[in-house]
Amino acid sequence: MLDAEVIGVPNRGPNDSLDSLLNTGAECTAALRAAGTATATELRRLGSVEAAVRMREALGADAVCRSRLSALEGAIRGVRWHAIPKLERDRLWEELERRSARRDAR
C-alpha cells in the first residue's frame, strides 16, 4: 500500500465521512450511500470490490466502471486512483466481474 504523504496527496480530514476520502466526489458518495455504505470505516471494512458489487446491485451494472472501482480502492488506500498500478487495477476489475457474475447466477 502506498502512503499518501509519501506521494504528496493530502489527507482530506480525520472524520469518518465518505466526503473526506480522496477520489470520492458527490456522485460517488451518493452511489455508495444508495448501496448502503454510509461511512469511510464501512467502505474500508467492505473493500472496494464488495462495495462495487453492492453499488451494482442497488443501481445497476453501469453504476461501476473501471475508473470508479479504482477510485474506491484509492479512497481506501488514501491515494489517487492512478497511483495504483495497472496490474492491480486489472485484478480488482476481474474480481468485480467474477463476483458480479456469481451473484447474477443466483
C-alpha atoms as a PDB file:
ATOM      1  CA  MET A   1       0.000   0.000   0.000  1.00  0.00           C
ATOM      2  CA  LEU A   2       1.238   3.470  -0.854  1.00  0.00           C
ATOM      3  CA  ASP A   3       1.492   6.107   1.842  1.00  0.00           C
ATOM      4  CA  ALA A   4      -0.453   9.221   0.832  1.00  0.00           C
ATOM      5  CA  GLU A   5       2.058  11.593   2.396  1.00  0.00           C
ATOM      6  CA  VAL A   6       4.958   9.957   0.583  1.00  0.00           C
ATOM      7  CA  ILE A   7       3.434  10.666  -2.821  1.00  0.00           C
ATOM      8  CA  GLY A   8       2.224  14.104  -1.801  1.00  0.00           C
ATOM      9  CA  VAL A   9      -1.523  13.528  -1.581  1.00  0.00           C
ATOM     10  CA  PRO A  10      -3.088  15.471   1.266  1.00  0.00           C
ATOM     11  CA  ASN A  11      -5.429  13.832   3.732  1.00  0.00           C
ATOM     12  CA  ARG A  12      -8.849  15.439   3.382  1.00  0.00           C
ATOM     13  CA  GLY A  13      -9.720  15.074   7.043  1.00  0.00           C
ATOM     14  CA  PRO A  14      -9.737  12.736  10.028  1.00  0.00           C
ATOM     15  CA  ASN A  15     -13.511  12.232  10.147  1.00  0.00           C
ATOM     16  CA  ASP A  16     -15.429   9.157   9.058  1.00  0.00           C
ATOM     17  CA  SER A  17     -17.353  10.810   6.253  1.00  0.00           C
ATOM     18  CA  LEU A  18     -17.191   9.397   2.747  1.00  0.00           C
ATOM     19  CA  ASP A  19     -16.800  13.008   1.628  1.00  0.00           C
ATOM     20  CA  SER A  20     -13.434  13.176   3.412  1.00  0.00           C
ATOM     21  CA  LEU A  21     -11.895  10.466   1.213  1.00  0.00           C
ATOM     22  CA  LEU A  22      -9.812  11.029  -1.885  1.00  0.00           C
ATOM     23  CA  ASN A  23     -11.454  10.170  -5.220  1.00  0.00           C
ATOM     24  CA  THR A  24     -14.992  10.374  -3.846  1.00  0.00           C
ATOM     25  CA  GLY A  25     -16.974  13.225  -5.306  1.00  0.00           C
ATOM     26  CA  ALA A  26     -20.664  13.880  -4.785  1.00  0.00           C
ATOM     27  CA  GLU A  27     -21.793  11.319  -7.372  1.00  0.00           C
ATOM     28  CA  CYS A  28     -19.618   8.545  -5.981  1.00  0.00           C
ATOM     29  CA  THR A  29     -20.620   9.174  -2.370  1.00  0.00           C
ATOM     30  CA  ALA A  30     -24.303   9.273  -3.367  1.00  0.00           C
ATOM     31  CA  ALA A  31     -23.896   5.911  -5.118  1.00  0.00           C
ATOM     32  CA  LEU A  32     -22.138   4.422  -2.094  1.00  0.00           C
ATOM     33  CA  ARG A  33     -24.894   5.640   0.210  1.00  0.00           C
ATOM     34  CA  ALA A  34     -27.601   4.320  -2.125  1.00  0.00           C
ATOM     35  CA  ALA A  35     -25.895   0.926  -1.877  1.00  0.00           C
ATOM     36  CA  GLY A  36     -25.880   1.061   1.920  1.00  0.00           C
ATOM     37  CA  THR A  37     -22.312   2.205   2.571  1.00  0.00           C
ATOM     38  CA  ALA A  38     -22.572   5.237   4.819  1.00  0.00           C
ATOM     39  CA  THR A  39     -19.103   5.781   6.285  1.00  0.00           C
ATOM     40  CA  ALA A  40     -15.433   5.640   5.360  1.00  0.00           C
ATOM     41  CA  THR A  41     -14.930   2.955   8.002  1.00  0.00           C
ATOM     42  CA  GLU A  42     -17.618   0.812   6.411  1.00  0.00           C
ATOM     43  CA  LEU A  43     -16.062   1.248   2.959  1.00  0.00           C
ATOM     44  CA  ARG A  44     -12.691   0.156   4.329  1.00  0.00           C
ATOM     45  CA  ARG A  45     -14.290  -2.858   6.033  1.00  0.00           C
ATOM     46  CA  LEU A  46     -16.101  -3.938   2.857  1.00  0.00           C
ATOM     47  CA  GLY A  47     -13.245  -3.300   0.469  1.00  0.00           C
ATOM     48  CA  SER A  48     -13.557  -1.750  -2.955  1.00  0.00           C
ATOM     49  CA  VAL A  49     -14.803  -4.843  -4.763  1.00  0.00           C
ATOM     50  CA  GLU A  50     -17.594  -5.655  -2.311  1.00  0.00           C
ATOM     51  CA  ALA A  51     -18.658  -2.004  -2.197  1.00  0.00           C
ATOM     52  CA  ALA A  52     -18.754  -2.004  -6.002  1.00  0.00           C
ATOM     53  CA  VAL A  53     -20.791  -5.222  -6.109  1.00  0.00           C
ATOM     54  CA  ARG A  54     -23.317  -3.636  -3.752  1.00  0.00           C
ATOM     55  CA  MET A  55     -23.419  -0.486  -5.889  1.00  0.00           C
ATOM     56  CA  ARG A  56     -24.161  -2.606  -8.954  1.00  0.00           C
ATOM     57  CA  GLU A  57     -26.891  -4.491  -7.109  1.00  0.00           C
ATOM     58  CA  ALA A  58     -28.528  -1.265  -5.958  1.00  0.00           C
ATOM     59  CA  LEU A  59     -28.054   0.890  -9.051  1.00  0.00           C
ATOM     60  CA  GLY A  60     -27.394  -1.444 -11.971  1.00  0.00           C
ATOM     61  CA  ALA A  61     -24.320  -2.765 -13.757  1.00  0.00           C
ATOM     62  CA  ASP A  62     -23.434   0.624 -15.237  1.00  0.00           C
ATOM     63  CA  ALA A  63     -23.024   2.128 -11.760  1.00  0.00           C
ATOM     64  CA  VAL A  64     -19.426   0.904 -11.562  1.00  0.00           C
ATOM     65  CA  CYS A  65     -16.844   1.220 -14.301  1.00  0.00           C
ATOM     66  CA  ARG A  66     -13.113   0.544 -14.057  1.00  0.00           C
ATOM     67  CA  SER A  67     -12.391   4.125 -13.048  1.00  0.00           C
ATOM     68  CA  ARG A  68     -14.955   4.122 -10.242  1.00  0.00           C
ATOM     69  CA  LEU A  69     -13.653   0.819  -8.899  1.00  0.00           C
ATOM     70  CA  SER A  70     -10.117   2.201  -8.954  1.00  0.00           C
ATOM     71  CA  ALA A  71     -11.352   5.366  -7.258  1.00  0.00           C
ATOM     72  CA  LEU A  72     -12.890   3.300  -4.465  1.00  0.00           C
ATOM     73  CA  GLU A  73      -9.660   1.372  -3.974  1.00  0.00           C
ATOM     74  CA  GLY A  74      -7.686   4.604  -3.963  1.00  0.00           C
ATOM     75  CA  ALA A  75     -10.084   6.084  -1.411  1.00  0.00           C
ATOM     76  CA  ILE A  76      -9.462   3.115   0.867  1.00  0.00           C
ATOM     77  CA  ARG A  77      -5.688   3.378   0.442  1.00  0.00           C
ATOM     78  CA  GLY A  78      -5.630   7.167   0.685  1.00  0.00           C
ATOM     79  CA  VAL A  79      -4.105   7.640  -2.771  1.00  0.00           C
ATOM     80  CA  ARG A  80      -5.268   8.950  -6.107  1.00  0.00           C
ATOM     81  CA  TRP A  81      -6.618   6.078  -8.172  1.00  0.00           C
ATOM     82  CA  HIS A  82      -3.982   6.461 -10.894  1.00  0.00           C
ATOM     83  CA  ALA A  83      -1.255   5.768  -8.305  1.00  0.00           C
ATOM     84  CA  ILE A  84      -2.493   2.166  -8.119  1.00  0.00           C
ATOM     85  CA  PRO A  85      -0.501   0.026 -10.578  1.00  0.00           C
ATOM     86  CA  LYS A  86      -2.467  -1.015 -13.659  1.00  0.00           C
ATOM     87  CA  LEU A  87      -1.954  -4.705 -12.897  1.00  0.00           C
ATOM     88  CA  GLU A  88      -3.635  -4.244  -9.503  1.00  0.00           C
ATOM     89  CA  ARG A  89      -6.485  -2.246 -11.079  1.00  0.00           C
ATOM     90  CA  ASP A  90      -6.976  -5.014 -13.632  1.00  0.00           C
ATOM     91  CA  ARG A  91      -7.088  -7.650 -10.880  1.00  0.00           C
ATOM     92  CA  LEU A  92      -9.696  -5.647  -8.978  1.00  0.00           C
ATOM     93  CA  TRP A  93     -11.813  -5.413 -12.146  1.00  0.00           C
ATOM     94  CA  GLU A  94     -11.533  -9.154 -12.773  1.00  0.00           C
ATOM     95  CA  GLU A  95     -12.603  -9.857  -9.198  1.00  0.00           C
ATOM     96  CA  LEU A  96     -15.574  -7.496  -9.527  1.00  0.00           C
ATOM     97  CA  GLU A  97     -16.671  -9.169 -12.757  1.00  0.00           C
ATOM     98  CA  ARG A  98     -16.288 -12.626 -11.196  1.00  0.00           C
ATOM     99  CA  ARG A  99     -18.282 -11.742  -8.083  1.00  0.00           C
ATOM    100  CA  SER A 100     -20.957  -9.925 -10.087  1.00  0.00           C
ATOM    101  CA  ALA A 101     -21.382 -12.923 -12.421  1.00  0.00           C
ATOM    102  CA  ARG A 102     -21.615 -15.284  -9.457  1.00  0.00           C
ATOM    103  CA  ARG A 103     -24.327 -13.166  -7.809  1.00  0.00           C
ATOM    104  CA  ASP A 104     -26.204 -12.772 -11.102  1.00  0.00           C
ATOM    105  CA  ALA A 105     -26.267 -16.567 -11.448  1.00  0.00           C
ATOM    106  CA  ARG A 106     -28.148 -16.977  -8.164  1.00  0.00           C
END
